[in-house]
Amino acid sequence: MEGLDLLKKDWKKNENSFQQVSEKQIYKMIHKSSSSIVKWIFIISLLEFALWSILSFCMKDSEVMQKFESYHVEHIMLPFTIIGYFVLAYFFFHFFMNYRKISATDSARVLISNIIKTRKKVYQYVWFNIIYGILSSIIVTYIQLTHDKDIIEMINQYDQNGNGAIIYAIYFFMVIVFMAFFVGLIWLFYRLIYGILLKRLYKNYEELKKIDL
């Protein structure tokens, strides 16, 4: 958007000249910038999905994952995973369609509408990932409490000594701390990556509202 700022300054300096910069030219720059931003939102979301998929594949043969698979809880995890993939596909589709719409539009009013829709969809995407991560942690915690023999045995021993509530409190405290740390990292990642793009997109939106086409 630095080029746009320079263009606007030149426009104001040469308002009475024959070579003054028109609002159409400013609109074209905003249009090009917005199209590029939405394209990067789509690309980054796909790269993010690929990264998590690669990490999951690399951890598939780890001791932790093998132990979790021994619980045989596919009836719980498989539907949850499939739902997650469907929702992600829904967002990827909308990001791509928003890019196409913004690239093809020739109206400032339509471009403003598409920018608003894109920003709203990105916020929904961010919150979905955060909520999905929290639900995943809750489900994994429940499965471990009900299927992990070591944890069950330890809880039974504490129950016999009348300290069952203590071990539950410690366990849930550790889970909450982990979830808070995980959510914080995810939120920071989204603030750094998508936050920068959305800020630029919002600046384009504000500039479009100032011109009348």
N, C-alpha and C. Protein backbone atom coordinates (compact mmCIF):
# COMPACT_ATOMS: atom_id res chain seq x y z
N MET A 1 0.83 -1.21 0.00
CA MET A 1 0.00 0.00 0.00
C MET A 1 0.86 1.26 0.00
N GLU A 2 2.23 1.13 0.05
CA GLU A 2 3.05 2.33 0.00
C GLU A 2 2.90 3.04 -1.32
N GLY A 3 2.78 2.23 -2.41
CA GLY A 3 2.60 2.82 -3.73
C GLY A 3 1.32 3.62 -3.80
N LEU A 4 0.27 3.14 -3.16
CA LEU A 4 -1.01 3.85 -3.14
C LEU A 4 -0.89 5.16 -2.38
N ASP A 5 -0.18 5.16 -1.26
CA ASP A 5 0.01 6.38 -0.48
C ASP A 5 0.75 7.44 -1.28
N LEU A 6 1.79 7.00 -2.01
CA LEU A 6 2.55 7.93 -2.85
C LEU A 6 1.68 8.47 -3.97
N LEU A 7 0.85 7.60 -4.52
CA LEU A 7 -0.04 8.00 -5.60
C LEU A 7 -1.04 9.04 -5.13
N LYS A 8 -1.58 8.86 -3.92
CA LYS A 8 -2.55 9.81 -3.37
C LYS A 8 -1.90 11.17 -3.09
N LYS A 9 -0.64 11.14 -2.58
CA LYS A 9 0.06 12.39 -2.33
C LYS A 9 0.29 13.15 -3.63
N ASP A 10 0.67 12.41 -4.67
CA ASP A 10 0.90 13.04 -5.97
C ASP A 10 -0.39 13.60 -6.52
N TRP A 11 -1.49 12.91 -6.26
CA TRP A 11 -2.81 13.36 -6.72
C TRP A 11 -3.16 14.70 -6.08
N LYS A 12 -2.92 14.79 -4.74
CA LYS A 12 -3.26 16.03 -4.04
C LYS A 12 -2.37 17.20 -4.47
N LYS A 13 -1.10 16.90 -4.78
CA LYS A 13 -0.19 17.96 -5.21
C LYS A 13 -0.54 18.49 -6.58
N ASN A 14 -1.12 17.65 -7.42
CA ASN A 14 -1.37 18.01 -8.81
C ASN A 14 -2.86 18.02 -9.14
N GLU A 15 -3.65 18.49 -8.20
CA GLU A 15 -5.10 18.47 -8.40
C GLU A 15 -5.53 19.28 -9.61
N ASN A 16 -4.81 20.34 -9.91
CA ASN A 16 -5.22 21.22 -11.01
C ASN A 16 -4.47 20.95 -12.31
N SER A 17 -3.62 19.91 -12.32
CA SER A 17 -2.85 19.62 -13.53
C SER A 17 -3.65 18.71 -14.44
N PHE A 18 -3.22 18.67 -15.70
CA PHE A 18 -3.93 17.83 -16.68
C PHE A 18 -3.59 16.36 -16.51
N GLN A 19 -2.51 16.06 -15.78
CA GLN A 19 -2.10 14.67 -15.62
C GLN A 19 -2.43 14.17 -14.22
N GLN A 20 -3.50 14.72 -13.63
CA GLN A 20 -3.83 14.29 -12.28
C GLN A 20 -4.27 12.83 -12.25
N VAL A 21 -3.96 12.21 -11.13
CA VAL A 21 -4.28 10.80 -10.96
C VAL A 21 -5.78 10.68 -10.69
N SER A 22 -6.43 9.80 -11.38
CA SER A 22 -7.88 9.63 -11.23
C SER A 22 -8.21 8.63 -10.15
N GLU A 23 -9.45 8.70 -9.67
CA GLU A 23 -9.92 7.73 -8.69
C GLU A 23 -9.93 6.32 -9.27
N LYS A 24 -10.12 6.23 -10.56
CA LYS A 24 -10.09 4.92 -11.22
C LYS A 24 -8.74 4.26 -11.04
N GLN A 25 -7.66 5.05 -11.15
CA GLN A 25 -6.32 4.49 -11.00
C GLN A 25 -6.09 4.02 -9.56
N ILE A 26 -6.59 4.82 -8.60
CA ILE A 26 -6.47 4.41 -7.20
C ILE A 26 -7.26 3.12 -6.96
N TYR A 27 -8.46 3.04 -7.53
CA TYR A 27 -9.28 1.84 -7.39
C TYR A 27 -8.55 0.62 -7.94
N LYS A 28 -7.89 0.78 -9.10
CA LYS A 28 -7.18 -0.35 -9.70
C LYS A 28 -6.06 -0.85 -8.79
N MET A 29 -5.36 0.09 -8.13
CA MET A 29 -4.30 -0.32 -7.21
C MET A 29 -4.86 -1.06 -6.00
N ILE A 30 -5.97 -0.54 -5.45
CA ILE A 30 -6.61 -1.20 -4.31
C ILE A 30 -7.12 -2.57 -4.71
N HIS A 31 -7.70 -2.65 -5.89
CA HIS A 31 -8.22 -3.92 -6.41
C HIS A 31 -7.11 -4.95 -6.54
N LYS A 32 -5.98 -4.53 -7.12
CA LYS A 32 -4.85 -5.44 -7.31
C LYS A 32 -4.29 -5.89 -5.96
N SER A 33 -4.17 -4.94 -5.01
CA SER A 33 -3.66 -5.26 -3.68
C SER A 33 -4.59 -6.24 -2.96
N SER A 34 -5.90 -5.98 -3.01
CA SER A 34 -6.88 -6.84 -2.33
C SER A 34 -6.87 -8.25 -2.90
N SER A 35 -6.78 -8.34 -4.23
CA SER A 35 -6.73 -9.64 -4.89
C SER A 35 -5.51 -10.43 -4.44
N SER A 36 -4.37 -9.74 -4.34
CA SER A 36 -3.13 -10.39 -3.91
C SER A 36 -3.22 -10.88 -2.47
N ILE A 37 -3.82 -10.06 -1.58
CA ILE A 37 -3.95 -10.42 -0.17
C ILE A 37 -4.82 -11.66 -0.01
N VAL A 38 -5.97 -11.69 -0.70
CA VAL A 38 -6.89 -12.83 -0.59
C VAL A 38 -6.25 -14.08 -1.17
N LYS A 39 -5.45 -13.91 -2.21
CA LYS A 39 -4.74 -15.06 -2.79
C LYS A 39 -3.78 -15.65 -1.76
N TRP A 40 -3.08 -14.78 -1.02
CA TRP A 40 -2.14 -15.26 -0.01
C TRP A 40 -2.86 -15.89 1.18
N ILE A 41 -4.04 -15.40 1.50
CA ILE A 41 -4.83 -16.04 2.57
C ILE A 41 -5.15 -17.48 2.17
N PHE A 42 -5.54 -17.67 0.92
CA PHE A 42 -5.85 -19.01 0.42
C PHE A 42 -4.60 -19.90 0.43
N ILE A 43 -3.48 -19.36 -0.06
CA ILE A 43 -2.24 -20.15 -0.13
C ILE A 43 -1.75 -20.53 1.27
N ILE A 44 -1.75 -19.56 2.20
CA ILE A 44 -1.26 -19.82 3.55
C ILE A 44 -2.14 -20.85 4.27
N SER A 45 -3.45 -20.78 4.05
CA SER A 45 -4.34 -21.77 4.69
C SER A 45 -4.03 -23.18 4.19
N LEU A 46 -3.72 -23.31 2.90
CA LEU A 46 -3.35 -24.62 2.34
C LEU A 46 -2.00 -25.08 2.88
N LEU A 47 -1.03 -24.17 2.97
CA LEU A 47 0.29 -24.51 3.51
C LEU A 47 0.18 -24.93 4.97
N GLU A 48 -0.68 -24.22 5.70
CA GLU A 48 -0.90 -24.56 7.11
C GLU A 48 -1.48 -25.97 7.24
N PHE A 49 -2.46 -26.29 6.40
CA PHE A 49 -3.06 -27.63 6.40
C PHE A 49 -2.01 -28.69 6.05
N ALA A 50 -1.17 -28.39 5.06
CA ALA A 50 -0.12 -29.33 4.65
C ALA A 50 0.87 -29.55 5.78
N LEU A 51 1.22 -28.47 6.51
CA LEU A 51 2.17 -28.59 7.62
C LEU A 51 1.63 -29.50 8.71
N TRP A 52 0.37 -29.29 9.13
CA TRP A 52 -0.23 -30.14 10.17
C TRP A 52 -0.34 -31.59 9.70
N SER A 53 -0.64 -31.78 8.43
CA SER A 53 -0.76 -33.14 7.89
C SER A 53 0.59 -33.85 7.91
N ILE A 54 1.66 -33.13 7.55
CA ILE A 54 3.00 -33.71 7.55
C ILE A 54 3.43 -34.07 8.97
N LEU A 55 3.15 -33.16 9.93
CA LEU A 55 3.49 -33.42 11.32
C LEU A 55 2.75 -34.64 11.86
N SER A 56 1.46 -34.76 11.49
CA SER A 56 0.67 -35.93 11.93
C SER A 56 1.23 -37.21 11.35
N PHE A 57 1.64 -37.16 10.08
CA PHE A 57 2.20 -38.34 9.42
C PHE A 57 3.53 -38.74 10.06
N CYS A 58 4.36 -37.75 10.39
CA CYS A 58 5.67 -38.03 10.99
C CYS A 58 5.53 -38.62 12.40
N MET A 59 4.46 -38.24 13.10
CA MET A 59 4.26 -38.72 14.47
C MET A 59 3.46 -40.02 14.52
N LYS A 60 3.06 -40.51 13.35
CA LYS A 60 2.19 -41.69 13.32
C LYS A 60 2.82 -42.90 13.97
N ASP A 61 4.13 -43.08 13.81
CA ASP A 61 4.82 -44.26 14.34
C ASP A 61 5.47 -43.99 15.69
N SER A 62 5.18 -42.84 16.28
CA SER A 62 5.77 -42.53 17.59
C SER A 62 5.14 -43.41 18.67
N GLU A 63 5.83 -43.52 19.80
CA GLU A 63 5.35 -44.36 20.90
C GLU A 63 4.01 -43.86 21.44
N VAL A 64 3.86 -42.55 21.52
CA VAL A 64 2.63 -41.96 22.04
C VAL A 64 1.44 -42.30 21.14
N MET A 65 1.63 -42.16 19.82
CA MET A 65 0.54 -42.43 18.88
C MET A 65 0.21 -43.91 18.85
N GLN A 66 1.22 -44.77 18.94
CA GLN A 66 0.97 -46.21 18.94
C GLN A 66 0.18 -46.62 20.19
N LYS A 67 0.51 -45.99 21.31
CA LYS A 67 -0.21 -46.28 22.55
C LYS A 67 -1.66 -45.81 22.43
N PHE A 68 -1.85 -44.64 21.81
CA PHE A 68 -3.21 -44.10 21.65
C PHE A 68 -4.03 -44.99 20.71
N GLU A 69 -3.39 -45.50 19.66
CA GLU A 69 -4.09 -46.38 18.72
C GLU A 69 -4.49 -47.70 19.38
N SER A 70 -3.74 -48.10 20.41
CA SER A 70 -4.06 -49.36 21.11
C SER A 70 -5.35 -49.25 21.90
N TYR A 71 -5.86 -48.03 22.09
CA TYR A 71 -7.12 -47.85 22.82
C TYR A 71 -8.32 -48.25 21.95
N HIS A 72 -8.10 -48.30 20.62
CA HIS A 72 -9.17 -48.66 19.67
C HIS A 72 -10.41 -47.76 19.83
N VAL A 73 -10.17 -46.49 19.64
CA VAL A 73 -11.26 -45.51 19.77
C VAL A 73 -11.55 -44.84 18.42
N GLU A 74 -11.37 -45.62 17.35
CA GLU A 74 -11.60 -45.07 16.01
C GLU A 74 -13.04 -44.57 15.85
N HIS A 75 -13.97 -45.21 16.56
CA HIS A 75 -15.37 -44.81 16.45
C HIS A 75 -15.60 -43.40 17.00
N ILE A 76 -14.66 -42.91 17.82
CA ILE A 76 -14.74 -41.55 18.34
C ILE A 76 -13.93 -40.59 17.48
N MET A 77 -12.68 -40.96 17.22
CA MET A 77 -11.75 -40.05 16.54
C MET A 77 -12.02 -39.91 15.05
N LEU A 78 -12.42 -41.02 14.40
CA LEU A 78 -12.60 -40.97 12.94
C LEU A 78 -13.71 -39.99 12.53
N PRO A 79 -14.92 -40.07 13.12
CA PRO A 79 -15.96 -39.10 12.74
C PRO A 79 -15.54 -37.66 13.05
N PHE A 80 -14.86 -37.46 14.19
CA PHE A 80 -14.41 -36.13 14.57
C PHE A 80 -13.40 -35.59 13.55
N THR A 81 -12.49 -36.45 13.11
CA THR A 81 -11.48 -36.05 12.11
C THR A 81 -12.13 -35.75 10.77
N ILE A 82 -13.07 -36.58 10.35
CA ILE A 82 -13.76 -36.38 9.07
C ILE A 82 -14.51 -35.05 9.07
N ILE A 83 -15.19 -34.76 10.17
CA ILE A 83 -15.91 -33.48 10.29
C ILE A 83 -14.93 -32.32 10.14
N GLY A 84 -13.77 -32.45 10.78
CA GLY A 84 -12.75 -31.40 10.69
C GLY A 84 -12.29 -31.18 9.26
N TYR A 85 -12.06 -32.27 8.52
CA TYR A 85 -11.63 -32.16 7.12
C TYR A 85 -12.71 -31.50 6.26
N PHE A 86 -13.95 -31.86 6.50
CA PHE A 86 -15.05 -31.27 5.72
C PHE A 86 -15.16 -29.76 5.97
N VAL A 87 -15.04 -29.36 7.22
CA VAL A 87 -15.13 -27.94 7.54
C VAL A 87 -13.95 -27.17 6.94
N LEU A 88 -12.75 -27.75 7.01
CA LEU A 88 -11.59 -27.10 6.40
C LEU A 88 -11.76 -26.97 4.89
N ALA A 89 -12.28 -28.02 4.25
CA ALA A 89 -12.54 -27.97 2.81
C ALA A 89 -13.53 -26.85 2.48
N TYR A 90 -14.52 -26.67 3.36
CA TYR A 90 -15.50 -25.59 3.19
C TYR A 90 -14.82 -24.22 3.20
N PHE A 91 -13.90 -24.02 4.15
CA PHE A 91 -13.19 -22.74 4.22
C PHE A 91 -12.25 -22.55 3.03
N PHE A 92 -11.54 -23.61 2.63
CA PHE A 92 -10.64 -23.50 1.48
C PHE A 92 -11.42 -23.10 0.23
N PHE A 93 -12.58 -23.70 0.06
CA PHE A 93 -13.43 -23.40 -1.09
C PHE A 93 -13.84 -21.92 -1.07
N HIS A 94 -14.23 -21.43 0.09
CA HIS A 94 -14.67 -20.03 0.19
C HIS A 94 -13.50 -19.06 -0.02
N PHE A 95 -12.33 -19.38 0.49
CA PHE A 95 -11.17 -18.52 0.28
C PHE A 95 -10.85 -18.43 -1.22
N PHE A 96 -10.93 -19.57 -1.90
CA PHE A 96 -10.64 -19.58 -3.33
C PHE A 96 -11.70 -18.79 -4.10
N MET A 97 -12.97 -18.99 -3.74
CA MET A 97 -14.05 -18.28 -4.43
C MET A 97 -13.98 -16.78 -4.16
N ASN A 98 -13.61 -16.39 -2.94
CA ASN A 98 -13.46 -14.97 -2.63
C ASN A 98 -12.34 -14.35 -3.47
N TYR A 99 -11.27 -15.12 -3.65
CA TYR A 99 -10.17 -14.63 -4.50
C TYR A 99 -10.65 -14.42 -5.94
N ARG A 100 -11.40 -15.38 -6.44
CA ARG A 100 -11.90 -15.26 -7.81
C ARG A 100 -12.87 -14.09 -7.95
N LYS A 101 -13.74 -13.92 -6.95
CA LYS A 101 -14.71 -12.82 -7.01
C LYS A 101 -14.02 -11.46 -6.99
N ILE A 102 -13.04 -11.32 -6.09
CA ILE A 102 -12.33 -10.05 -5.98
C ILE A 102 -11.50 -9.79 -7.24
N SER A 103 -10.93 -10.83 -7.81
CA SER A 103 -10.13 -10.66 -9.02
C SER A 103 -10.99 -10.24 -10.20
N ALA A 104 -12.25 -10.69 -10.22
CA ALA A 104 -13.12 -10.44 -11.38
C ALA A 104 -13.97 -9.19 -11.25
N THR A 105 -14.10 -8.63 -10.03
CA THR A 105 -15.03 -7.51 -9.84
C THR A 105 -14.50 -6.22 -10.47
N ASP A 106 -15.40 -5.37 -10.93
CA ASP A 106 -15.01 -4.08 -11.51
C ASP A 106 -15.81 -2.94 -10.87
N SER A 107 -16.33 -3.19 -9.68
CA SER A 107 -17.13 -2.20 -8.98
C SER A 107 -16.59 -2.01 -7.56
N ALA A 108 -16.41 -0.76 -7.14
CA ALA A 108 -15.90 -0.48 -5.80
C ALA A 108 -16.86 -1.00 -4.74
N ARG A 109 -18.15 -0.84 -4.99
CA ARG A 109 -19.16 -1.28 -4.02
C ARG A 109 -19.12 -2.80 -3.85
N VAL A 110 -18.97 -3.53 -4.96
CA VAL A 110 -18.89 -5.00 -4.91
C VAL A 110 -17.59 -5.42 -4.24
N LEU A 111 -16.51 -4.70 -4.53
CA LEU A 111 -15.21 -5.03 -3.92
C LEU A 111 -15.27 -4.85 -2.40
N ILE A 112 -15.90 -3.76 -1.95
CA ILE A 112 -16.08 -3.53 -0.52
C ILE A 112 -16.84 -4.69 0.12
N SER A 113 -17.92 -5.13 -0.53
CA SER A 113 -18.73 -6.23 -0.02
C SER A 113 -17.90 -7.52 0.07
N ASN A 114 -17.09 -7.79 -0.95
CA ASN A 114 -16.28 -9.00 -0.97
C ASN A 114 -15.17 -8.96 0.08
N ILE A 115 -14.62 -7.79 0.33
CA ILE A 115 -13.60 -7.64 1.37
C ILE A 115 -14.20 -7.93 2.74
N ILE A 116 -15.40 -7.40 3.00
CA ILE A 116 -16.08 -7.65 4.27
C ILE A 116 -16.34 -9.14 4.45
N LYS A 117 -16.82 -9.80 3.40
CA LYS A 117 -17.10 -11.24 3.47
C LYS A 117 -15.84 -12.04 3.72
N THR A 118 -14.74 -11.64 3.07
CA THR A 118 -13.47 -12.36 3.23
C THR A 118 -12.95 -12.24 4.65
N ARG A 119 -12.98 -11.02 5.21
CA ARG A 119 -12.51 -10.82 6.58
C ARG A 119 -13.35 -11.63 7.57
N LYS A 120 -14.66 -11.64 7.37
CA LYS A 120 -15.56 -12.40 8.24
C LYS A 120 -15.24 -13.88 8.16
N LYS A 121 -15.00 -14.39 6.94
CA LYS A 121 -14.72 -15.82 6.76
C LYS A 121 -13.39 -16.21 7.40
N VAL A 122 -12.40 -15.33 7.32
CA VAL A 122 -11.10 -15.62 7.94
C VAL A 122 -11.22 -15.69 9.45
N TYR A 123 -11.99 -14.76 10.04
CA TYR A 123 -12.22 -14.80 11.48
C TYR A 123 -12.91 -16.11 11.89
N GLN A 124 -13.89 -16.54 11.09
CA GLN A 124 -14.57 -17.81 11.37
C GLN A 124 -13.60 -18.97 11.29
N TYR A 125 -12.71 -18.93 10.30
CA TYR A 125 -11.71 -19.98 10.12
C TYR A 125 -10.77 -20.06 11.32
N VAL A 126 -10.32 -18.91 11.80
CA VAL A 126 -9.42 -18.85 12.95
C VAL A 126 -10.11 -19.43 14.19
N TRP A 127 -11.33 -19.01 14.45
CA TRP A 127 -12.06 -19.50 15.63
C TRP A 127 -12.40 -20.98 15.53
N PHE A 128 -12.67 -21.45 14.31
CA PHE A 128 -12.93 -22.88 14.14
C PHE A 128 -11.70 -23.69 14.55
N ASN A 129 -10.53 -23.28 14.10
CA ASN A 129 -9.31 -24.01 14.41
C ASN A 129 -9.02 -24.00 15.91
N ILE A 130 -9.26 -22.87 16.55
CA ILE A 130 -9.04 -22.78 18.00
C ILE A 130 -10.02 -23.69 18.76
N ILE A 131 -11.30 -23.60 18.41
CA ILE A 131 -12.32 -24.42 19.08
C ILE A 131 -12.10 -25.90 18.79
N TYR A 132 -11.72 -26.22 17.56
CA TYR A 132 -11.45 -27.62 17.19
C TYR A 132 -10.28 -28.16 18.00
N GLY A 133 -9.25 -27.32 18.21
CA GLY A 133 -8.11 -27.74 19.00
C GLY A 133 -8.49 -28.00 20.45
N ILE A 134 -9.34 -27.13 21.01
CA ILE A 134 -9.80 -27.30 22.40
C ILE A 134 -10.62 -28.58 22.54
N LEU A 135 -11.56 -28.80 21.60
CA LEU A 135 -12.39 -30.01 21.64
C LEU A 135 -11.53 -31.27 21.50
N SER A 136 -10.51 -31.20 20.65
CA SER A 136 -9.61 -32.35 20.47
C SER A 136 -8.93 -32.69 21.79
N SER A 137 -8.47 -31.65 22.49
CA SER A 137 -7.79 -31.86 23.78
C SER A 137 -8.74 -32.49 24.81
N ILE A 138 -9.98 -32.02 24.81
CA ILE A 138 -10.98 -32.56 25.75
C ILE A 138 -11.26 -34.03 25.45
N ILE A 139 -11.41 -34.35 24.16
CA ILE A 139 -11.69 -35.74 23.76
C ILE A 139 -10.53 -36.65 24.11
N VAL A 140 -9.30 -36.18 23.81
CA VAL A 140 -8.11 -36.98 24.12
C VAL A 140 -7.99 -37.21 25.63
N THR A 141 -8.28 -36.17 26.41
CA THR A 141 -8.24 -36.29 27.88
C THR A 141 -9.25 -37.33 28.37
N TYR A 142 -10.45 -37.28 27.83
CA TYR A 142 -11.49 -38.24 28.21
C TYR A 142 -11.06 -39.67 27.86
N ILE A 143 -10.50 -39.84 26.68
CA ILE A 143 -10.07 -41.18 26.24
C ILE A 143 -8.97 -41.72 27.14
N GLN A 144 -8.02 -40.87 27.52
CA GLN A 144 -6.94 -41.30 28.39
C GLN A 144 -7.46 -41.69 29.78
N LEU A 145 -8.40 -40.93 30.28
CA LEU A 145 -8.96 -41.22 31.61
C LEU A 145 -9.75 -42.53 31.64
N THR A 146 -10.30 -42.90 30.48
CA THR A 146 -11.16 -44.09 30.45
C THR A 146 -10.49 -45.31 29.81
N HIS A 147 -9.31 -45.13 29.17
CA HIS A 147 -8.69 -46.25 28.46
C HIS A 147 -7.24 -46.51 28.84
N ASP A 148 -6.56 -45.51 29.38
CA ASP A 148 -5.14 -45.70 29.72
C ASP A 148 -5.05 -46.47 31.05
N LYS A 149 -4.51 -47.69 30.99
CA LYS A 149 -4.45 -48.56 32.17
C LYS A 149 -3.61 -47.95 33.29
N ASP A 150 -2.50 -47.29 32.92
CA ASP A 150 -1.63 -46.69 33.94
C ASP A 150 -2.34 -45.58 34.69
N ILE A 151 -3.06 -44.74 33.95
CA ILE A 151 -3.78 -43.63 34.59
C ILE A 151 -4.92 -44.17 35.45
N ILE A 152 -5.65 -45.15 34.92
CA ILE A 152 -6.77 -45.73 35.66
C ILE A 152 -6.29 -46.37 36.96
N GLU A 153 -5.15 -47.10 36.88
CA GLU A 153 -4.60 -47.75 38.07
C GLU A 153 -4.16 -46.72 39.11
N MET A 154 -3.53 -45.64 38.63
CA MET A 154 -3.07 -44.60 39.54
C MET A 154 -4.25 -43.92 40.23
N ILE A 155 -5.33 -43.66 39.47
CA ILE A 155 -6.53 -43.03 40.05
C ILE A 155 -7.17 -43.95 41.08
N ASN A 156 -7.21 -45.26 40.78
CA ASN A 156 -7.79 -46.23 41.72
C ASN A 156 -7.01 -46.27 43.03
N GLN A 157 -5.68 -46.19 42.93
CA GLN A 157 -4.84 -46.20 44.14
C GLN A 157 -5.12 -44.97 45.00
N TYR A 158 -5.24 -43.82 44.35
CA TYR A 158 -5.53 -42.58 45.09
C TYR A 158 -6.94 -42.63 45.68
N ASP A 159 -7.87 -43.27 44.93
CA ASP A 159 -9.25 -43.40 45.44
C ASP A 159 -9.29 -44.24 46.71
N GLN A 160 -8.49 -45.31 46.75
CA GLN A 160 -8.44 -46.18 47.92
C GLN A 160 -7.90 -45.46 49.14
N ASN A 161 -7.02 -44.49 48.87
CA ASN A 161 -6.45 -43.71 49.98
C ASN A 161 -7.28 -42.47 50.30
N GLY A 162 -8.39 -42.32 49.58
CA GLY A 162 -9.26 -41.18 49.82
C GLY A 162 -8.77 -39.88 49.21
N ASN A 163 -7.84 -40.01 48.24
CA ASN A 163 -7.27 -38.82 47.61
C ASN A 163 -7.60 -38.75 46.11
N GLY A 164 -8.71 -39.37 45.72
CA GLY A 164 -9.07 -39.40 44.31
C GLY A 164 -9.29 -38.00 43.74
N ALA A 165 -9.90 -37.14 44.55
CA ALA A 165 -10.19 -35.77 44.08
C ALA A 165 -8.91 -35.01 43.79
N ILE A 166 -7.86 -35.30 44.56
CA ILE A 166 -6.58 -34.59 44.38
C ILE A 166 -5.96 -34.93 43.04
N ILE A 167 -5.92 -36.23 42.70
CA ILE A 167 -5.29 -36.63 41.44
C ILE A 167 -6.08 -36.10 40.25
N TYR A 168 -7.42 -36.08 40.37
CA TYR A 168 -8.24 -35.50 39.30
C TYR A 168 -7.94 -34.01 39.14
N ALA A 169 -7.82 -33.33 40.27
CA ALA A 169 -7.55 -31.88 40.23
C ALA A 169 -6.20 -31.60 39.58
N ILE A 170 -5.19 -32.39 39.94
CA ILE A 170 -3.85 -32.22 39.36
C ILE A 170 -3.87 -32.49 37.86
N TYR A 171 -4.54 -33.57 37.50
CA TYR A 171 -4.59 -33.95 36.09
C TYR A 171 -5.29 -32.89 35.26
N PHE A 172 -6.44 -32.44 35.72
CA PHE A 172 -7.20 -31.43 34.97
C PHE A 172 -6.46 -30.09 34.94
N PHE A 173 -5.73 -29.77 36.02
CA PHE A 173 -4.93 -28.55 36.03
C PHE A 173 -3.86 -28.60 34.95
N MET A 174 -3.19 -29.74 34.83
CA MET A 174 -2.15 -29.91 33.81
C MET A 174 -2.75 -29.80 32.40
N VAL A 175 -3.94 -30.39 32.22
CA VAL A 175 -4.60 -30.32 30.91
C VAL A 175 -4.97 -28.88 30.57
N ILE A 176 -5.51 -28.16 31.56
CA ILE A 176 -5.91 -26.76 31.32
C ILE A 176 -4.69 -25.90 30.98
N VAL A 177 -3.58 -26.11 31.69
CA VAL A 177 -2.35 -25.36 31.40
C VAL A 177 -1.87 -25.65 29.99
N PHE A 178 -1.89 -26.94 29.61
CA PHE A 178 -1.47 -27.31 28.26
C PHE A 178 -2.37 -26.68 27.21
N MET A 179 -3.69 -26.74 27.45
CA MET A 179 -4.64 -26.18 26.49
C MET A 179 -4.46 -24.67 26.36
N ALA A 180 -4.23 -24.00 27.49
CA ALA A 180 -4.02 -22.55 27.46
C ALA A 180 -2.76 -22.21 26.66
N PHE A 181 -1.70 -23.00 26.87
CA PHE A 181 -0.45 -22.79 26.13
C PHE A 181 -0.66 -23.05 24.64
N PHE A 182 -1.37 -24.13 24.33
CA PHE A 182 -1.64 -24.48 22.93
C PHE A 182 -2.48 -23.42 22.24
N VAL A 183 -3.55 -23.00 22.89
CA VAL A 183 -4.43 -21.98 22.31
C VAL A 183 -3.67 -20.66 22.15
N GLY A 184 -2.83 -20.34 23.13
CA GLY A 184 -2.03 -19.12 23.03
C GLY A 184 -1.10 -19.13 21.83
N LEU A 185 -0.44 -20.27 21.60
CA LEU A 185 0.45 -20.39 20.44
C LEU A 185 -0.31 -20.27 19.13
N ILE A 186 -1.46 -20.95 19.05
CA ILE A 186 -2.27 -20.89 17.83
C ILE A 186 -2.77 -19.47 17.59
N TRP A 187 -3.24 -18.82 18.64
CA TRP A 187 -3.74 -17.44 18.51
C TRP A 187 -2.62 -16.49 18.06
N LEU A 188 -1.41 -16.67 18.64
CA LEU A 188 -0.27 -15.84 18.26
C LEU A 188 0.09 -16.06 16.79
N PHE A 189 0.06 -17.33 16.36
CA PHE A 189 0.36 -17.66 14.96
C PHE A 189 -0.63 -16.97 14.02
N TYR A 190 -1.91 -17.06 14.35
CA TYR A 190 -2.93 -16.45 13.50
C TYR A 190 -2.85 -14.92 13.53
N ARG A 191 -2.51 -14.36 14.70
CA ARG A 191 -2.38 -12.90 14.80
C ARG A 191 -1.23 -12.40 13.93
N LEU A 192 -0.13 -13.16 13.91
CA LEU A 192 1.03 -12.76 13.13
C LEU A 192 0.80 -12.93 11.63
N ILE A 193 0.22 -14.06 11.25
CA ILE A 193 0.06 -14.36 9.82
C ILE A 193 -1.20 -13.72 9.25
N TYR A 194 -2.34 -14.17 9.70
CA TYR A 194 -3.60 -13.67 9.14
C TYR A 194 -3.90 -12.24 9.61
N GLY A 195 -3.43 -11.89 10.83
CA GLY A 195 -3.66 -10.55 11.34
C GLY A 195 -3.06 -9.47 10.45
N ILE A 196 -1.83 -9.72 9.97
CA ILE A 196 -1.16 -8.76 9.08
C ILE A 196 -1.93 -8.61 7.77
N LEU A 197 -2.35 -9.74 7.21
CA LEU A 197 -3.09 -9.69 5.94
C LEU A 197 -4.44 -9.01 6.10
N LEU A 198 -5.13 -9.31 7.21
CA LEU A 198 -6.45 -8.70 7.44
C LEU A 198 -6.32 -7.20 7.70
N LYS A 199 -5.24 -6.80 8.33
CA LYS A 199 -5.02 -5.38 8.58
C LYS A 199 -4.85 -4.64 7.26
N ARG A 200 -4.11 -5.23 6.35
CA ARG A 200 -3.92 -4.62 5.03
C ARG A 200 -5.23 -4.60 4.25
N LEU A 201 -5.99 -5.67 4.40
CA LEU A 201 -7.27 -5.75 3.70
C LEU A 201 -8.23 -4.69 4.25
N TYR A 202 -8.19 -4.48 5.56
CA TYR A 202 -9.05 -3.47 6.17
C TYR A 202 -8.65 -2.07 5.71
N LYS A 203 -7.34 -1.85 5.53
CA LYS A 203 -6.87 -0.55 5.04
C LYS A 203 -7.40 -0.30 3.63
N ASN A 204 -7.42 -1.34 2.80
CA ASN A 204 -8.00 -1.22 1.46
C ASN A 204 -9.48 -0.87 1.54
N TYR A 205 -10.16 -1.52 2.47
CA TYR A 205 -11.59 -1.26 2.67
C TYR A 205 -11.84 0.20 3.04
N GLU A 206 -11.01 0.73 3.95
CA GLU A 206 -11.15 2.13 4.36
C GLU A 206 -10.88 3.08 3.19
N GLU A 207 -9.89 2.75 2.35
CA GLU A 207 -9.58 3.60 1.21
C GLU A 207 -10.71 3.58 0.18
N LEU A 208 -11.32 2.42 0.01
CA LEU A 208 -12.43 2.32 -0.96
C LEU A 208 -13.61 3.15 -0.55
N LYS A 209 -13.84 3.25 0.76
CA LYS A 209 -14.99 4.03 1.24
C LYS A 209 -14.81 5.53 0.97
N LYS A 210 -13.54 5.96 0.75
CA LYS A 210 -13.27 7.39 0.53
C LYS A 210 -13.49 7.82 -0.91
N ILE A 211 -13.50 6.85 -1.82
CA ILE A 211 -13.68 7.21 -3.23
C ILE A 211 -15.11 6.85 -3.68
N ASP A 212 -15.57 7.52 -4.68
CA ASP A 212 -16.95 7.33 -5.16
C ASP A 212 -16.91 6.98 -6.63
N LEU A 213 -17.11 5.67 -6.93
CA LEU A 213 -17.08 5.22 -8.33
C LEU A 213 -18.46 4.79 -8.78
